[in-house]
Amino acid sequence: MSARRHRSYVAHLGHRLSGLALALFLPMHFLALGLALEGAERFDAFLAFSGLPLVKAAEWGLVVLLALHLFFGLRLLLLEMLPWRDPADDRSALIGWGAAAALAVGGVFLWGVI
């Protein structure tokens, strides 16, 4: 089996790409904070923009990526810190749990937004 077809590779790629997406988001976050310091009318305009449906969908994606990055990072910590005695352990189940938890966090976010 090719290493790129293994579930662990998909988790590795998801963790790295979600981290990259979050790093690209940070300048927008700092821009919003800067607009809040510049004055109420500029910040209000930004808040009106953030209420658009496409922006809300992007926020949901960002929340899911943040949760994915968190849970796949926790998976890596568990793999590194816990003693795994049996090499036949199905540690790839942690991938499914992490992805399901990230989608659950996204669902909770949608519940609060809608």
C-alpha atoms as a PDB file:
ATOM      1  CA  MET A   1       0.000   0.000   0.000  1.00  0.00           C
ATOM      2  CA  SER A   2       1.336   3.397  -0.950  1.00  0.00           C
ATOM      3  CA  ALA A   3       2.124   5.692   1.966  1.00  0.00           C
ATOM      4  CA  ARG A   4      -0.024   8.407   0.410  1.00  0.00           C
ATOM      5  CA  ARG A   5      -3.086   6.158   0.490  1.00  0.00           C
ATOM      6  CA  HIS A   6      -2.816   5.452   4.196  1.00  0.00           C
ATOM      7  CA  ARG A   7      -5.291   7.144   6.558  1.00  0.00           C
ATOM      8  CA  SER A   8      -2.422   8.556   8.595  1.00  0.00           C
ATOM      9  CA  TYR A   9      -1.154  10.422   5.544  1.00  0.00           C
ATOM     10  CA  VAL A  10      -4.582  11.990   5.053  1.00  0.00           C
ATOM     11  CA  ALA A  11      -4.588  13.053   8.721  1.00  0.00           C
ATOM     12  CA  HIS A  12      -1.058  14.436   8.324  1.00  0.00           C
ATOM     13  CA  LEU A  13      -2.110  16.395   5.249  1.00  0.00           C
ATOM     14  CA  GLY A  14      -5.296  17.640   6.936  1.00  0.00           C
ATOM     15  CA  HIS A  15      -3.330  18.831   9.956  1.00  0.00           C
ATOM     16  CA  ARG A  16      -0.751  20.668   7.853  1.00  0.00           C
ATOM     17  CA  LEU A  17      -3.228  22.248   5.419  1.00  0.00           C
ATOM     18  CA  SER A  18      -5.559  23.371   8.197  1.00  0.00           C
ATOM     19  CA  GLY A  19      -2.596  24.987   9.944  1.00  0.00           C
ATOM     20  CA  LEU A  20      -1.667  26.769   6.724  1.00  0.00           C
ATOM     21  CA  ALA A  21      -5.238  28.011   6.238  1.00  0.00           C
ATOM     22  CA  LEU A  22      -5.322  29.290   9.807  1.00  0.00           C
ATOM     23  CA  ALA A  23      -2.013  31.093   9.293  1.00  0.00           C
ATOM     24  CA  LEU A  24      -3.450  32.764   6.197  1.00  0.00           C
ATOM     25  CA  PHE A  25      -6.503  33.833   8.207  1.00  0.00           C
ATOM     26  CA  LEU A  26      -4.504  35.615  10.903  1.00  0.00           C
ATOM     27  CA  PRO A  27      -3.860  38.810   8.869  1.00  0.00           C
ATOM     28  CA  MET A  28      -7.633  39.182   8.340  1.00  0.00           C
ATOM     29  CA  HIS A  29      -8.162  38.779  12.061  1.00  0.00           C
ATOM     30  CA  PHE A  30      -5.575  41.455  12.825  1.00  0.00           C
ATOM     31  CA  LEU A  31      -7.177  43.715  10.217  1.00  0.00           C
ATOM     32  CA  ALA A  32     -10.531  43.401  11.998  1.00  0.00           C
ATOM     33  CA  LEU A  33      -8.903  44.237  15.313  1.00  0.00           C
ATOM     34  CA  GLY A  34      -7.175  47.228  13.720  1.00  0.00           C
ATOM     35  CA  LEU A  35     -10.462  48.483  12.282  1.00  0.00           C
ATOM     36  CA  ALA A  36     -11.993  48.338  15.742  1.00  0.00           C
ATOM     37  CA  LEU A  37      -9.238  50.662  16.955  1.00  0.00           C
ATOM     38  CA  GLU A  38      -9.715  53.113  14.056  1.00  0.00           C
ATOM     39  CA  GLY A  39     -13.308  53.955  14.799  1.00  0.00           C
ATOM     40  CA  ALA A  40     -16.817  52.671  15.183  1.00  0.00           C
ATOM     41  CA  GLU A  41     -17.997  53.384  11.633  1.00  0.00           C
ATOM     42  CA  ARG A  42     -15.167  51.426   9.974  1.00  0.00           C
ATOM     43  CA  PHE A  43     -15.674  48.526  12.330  1.00  0.00           C
ATOM     44  CA  ASP A  44     -19.441  48.615  11.778  1.00  0.00           C
ATOM     45  CA  ALA A  45     -18.848  48.405   8.017  1.00  0.00           C
ATOM     46  CA  PHE A  46     -16.638  45.385   8.577  1.00  0.00           C
ATOM     47  CA  LEU A  47     -19.297  43.773  10.772  1.00  0.00           C
ATOM     48  CA  ALA A  48     -21.886  44.360   8.040  1.00  0.00           C
ATOM     49  CA  PHE A  49     -19.546  42.613   5.590  1.00  0.00           C
ATOM     50  CA  SER A  50     -19.084  39.720   8.005  1.00  0.00           C
ATOM     51  CA  GLY A  51     -22.856  39.174   8.035  1.00  0.00           C
ATOM     52  CA  LEU A  52     -22.924  38.144   4.360  1.00  0.00           C
ATOM     53  CA  PRO A  53     -23.856  34.489   3.753  1.00  0.00           C
ATOM     54  CA  LEU A  54     -20.621  33.701   1.904  1.00  0.00           C
ATOM     55  CA  VAL A  55     -18.587  35.103   4.797  1.00  0.00           C
ATOM     56  CA  LYS A  56     -20.648  33.067   7.279  1.00  0.00           C
ATOM     57  CA  ALA A  57     -19.917  29.929   5.248  1.00  0.00           C
ATOM     58  CA  ALA A  58     -16.218  30.813   5.275  1.00  0.00           C
ATOM     59  CA  GLU A  59     -16.395  31.289   9.057  1.00  0.00           C
ATOM     60  CA  TRP A  60     -17.906  27.818   9.400  1.00  0.00           C
ATOM     61  CA  GLY A  61     -15.075  26.398   7.302  1.00  0.00           C
ATOM     62  CA  LEU A  62     -12.553  28.207   9.440  1.00  0.00           C
ATOM     63  CA  VAL A  63     -14.084  26.835  12.634  1.00  0.00           C
ATOM     64  CA  VAL A  64     -14.025  23.292  11.215  1.00  0.00           C
ATOM     65  CA  LEU A  65     -10.385  23.735  10.123  1.00  0.00           C
ATOM     66  CA  LEU A  66      -9.452  25.048  13.558  1.00  0.00           C
ATOM     67  CA  ALA A  67     -11.131  22.079  15.244  1.00  0.00           C
ATOM     68  CA  LEU A  68      -9.519  19.676  12.752  1.00  0.00           C
ATOM     69  CA  HIS A  69      -6.119  21.167  13.483  1.00  0.00           C
ATOM     70  CA  LEU A  70      -6.769  20.854  17.224  1.00  0.00           C
ATOM     71  CA  PHE A  71      -7.974  17.255  17.185  1.00  0.00           C
ATOM     72  CA  PHE A  72      -5.353  15.997  14.732  1.00  0.00           C
ATOM     73  CA  GLY A  73      -2.705  17.765  16.822  1.00  0.00           C
ATOM     74  CA  LEU A  74      -4.028  16.011  19.919  1.00  0.00           C
ATOM     75  CA  ARG A  75      -3.849  12.744  17.977  1.00  0.00           C
ATOM     76  CA  LEU A  76      -0.163  13.363  17.309  1.00  0.00           C
ATOM     77  CA  LEU A  77       0.456  14.101  20.976  1.00  0.00           C
ATOM     78  CA  LEU A  78      -1.273  10.867  21.966  1.00  0.00           C
ATOM     79  CA  LEU A  79       0.793   8.894  19.469  1.00  0.00           C
ATOM     80  CA  GLU A  80       4.017  10.411  20.759  1.00  0.00           C
ATOM     81  CA  MET A  81       3.315  10.374  24.486  1.00  0.00           C
ATOM     82  CA  LEU A  82       1.361   7.193  25.183  1.00  0.00           C
ATOM     83  CA  PRO A  83       3.068   3.811  25.284  1.00  0.00           C
ATOM     84  CA  TRP A  84       1.761   1.724  22.377  1.00  0.00           C
ATOM     85  CA  ARG A  85       2.723  -1.849  23.204  1.00  0.00           C
ATOM     86  CA  ASP A  86       0.878  -3.812  20.552  1.00  0.00           C
ATOM     87  CA  PRO A  87       1.929  -2.906  17.003  1.00  0.00           C
ATOM     88  CA  ALA A  88      -1.404  -4.261  15.762  1.00  0.00           C
ATOM     89  CA  ASP A  89      -3.306  -1.556  17.709  1.00  0.00           C
ATOM     90  CA  ASP A  90      -5.703   0.286  15.460  1.00  0.00           C
ATOM     91  CA  ARG A  91      -4.446   3.758  16.190  1.00  0.00           C
ATOM     92  CA  SER A  92      -5.983   4.992  12.946  1.00  0.00           C
ATOM     93  CA  ALA A  93      -9.348   5.056  14.750  1.00  0.00           C
ATOM     94  CA  LEU A  94      -8.110   8.308  16.292  1.00  0.00           C
ATOM     95  CA  ILE A  95      -8.326   9.847  12.811  1.00  0.00           C
ATOM     96  CA  GLY A  96     -12.018   9.116  12.509  1.00  0.00           C
ATOM     97  CA  TRP A  97     -12.712  10.388  16.008  1.00  0.00           C
ATOM     98  CA  GLY A  98     -10.801  13.593  15.297  1.00  0.00           C
ATOM     99  CA  ALA A  99     -12.638  14.239  12.039  1.00  0.00           C
ATOM    100  CA  ALA A 100     -16.007  13.498  13.670  1.00  0.00           C
ATOM    101  CA  ALA A 101     -15.226  15.815  16.581  1.00  0.00           C
ATOM    102  CA  ALA A 102     -14.230  18.599  14.168  1.00  0.00           C
ATOM    103  CA  LEU A 103     -17.513  18.236  12.288  1.00  0.00           C
ATOM    104  CA  ALA A 104     -19.395  18.215  15.602  1.00  0.00           C
ATOM    105  CA  VAL A 105     -17.727  21.503  16.562  1.00  0.00           C
ATOM    106  CA  GLY A 106     -18.736  22.864  13.141  1.00  0.00           C
ATOM    107  CA  GLY A 107     -22.304  21.730  13.792  1.00  0.00           C
ATOM    108  CA  VAL A 108     -22.362  23.499  17.146  1.00  0.00           C
ATOM    109  CA  PHE A 109     -21.076  26.640  15.408  1.00  0.00           C
ATOM    110  CA  LEU A 110     -23.826  26.407  12.792  1.00  0.00           C
ATOM    111  CA  TRP A 111     -26.402  25.925  15.516  1.00  0.00           C
ATOM    112  CA  GLY A 112     -25.252  29.153  17.169  1.00  0.00           C
ATOM    113  CA  VAL A 113     -25.092  31.115  13.907  1.00  0.00           C
ATOM    114  CA  ILE A 114     -28.404  30.097  12.394  1.00  0.00           C
END
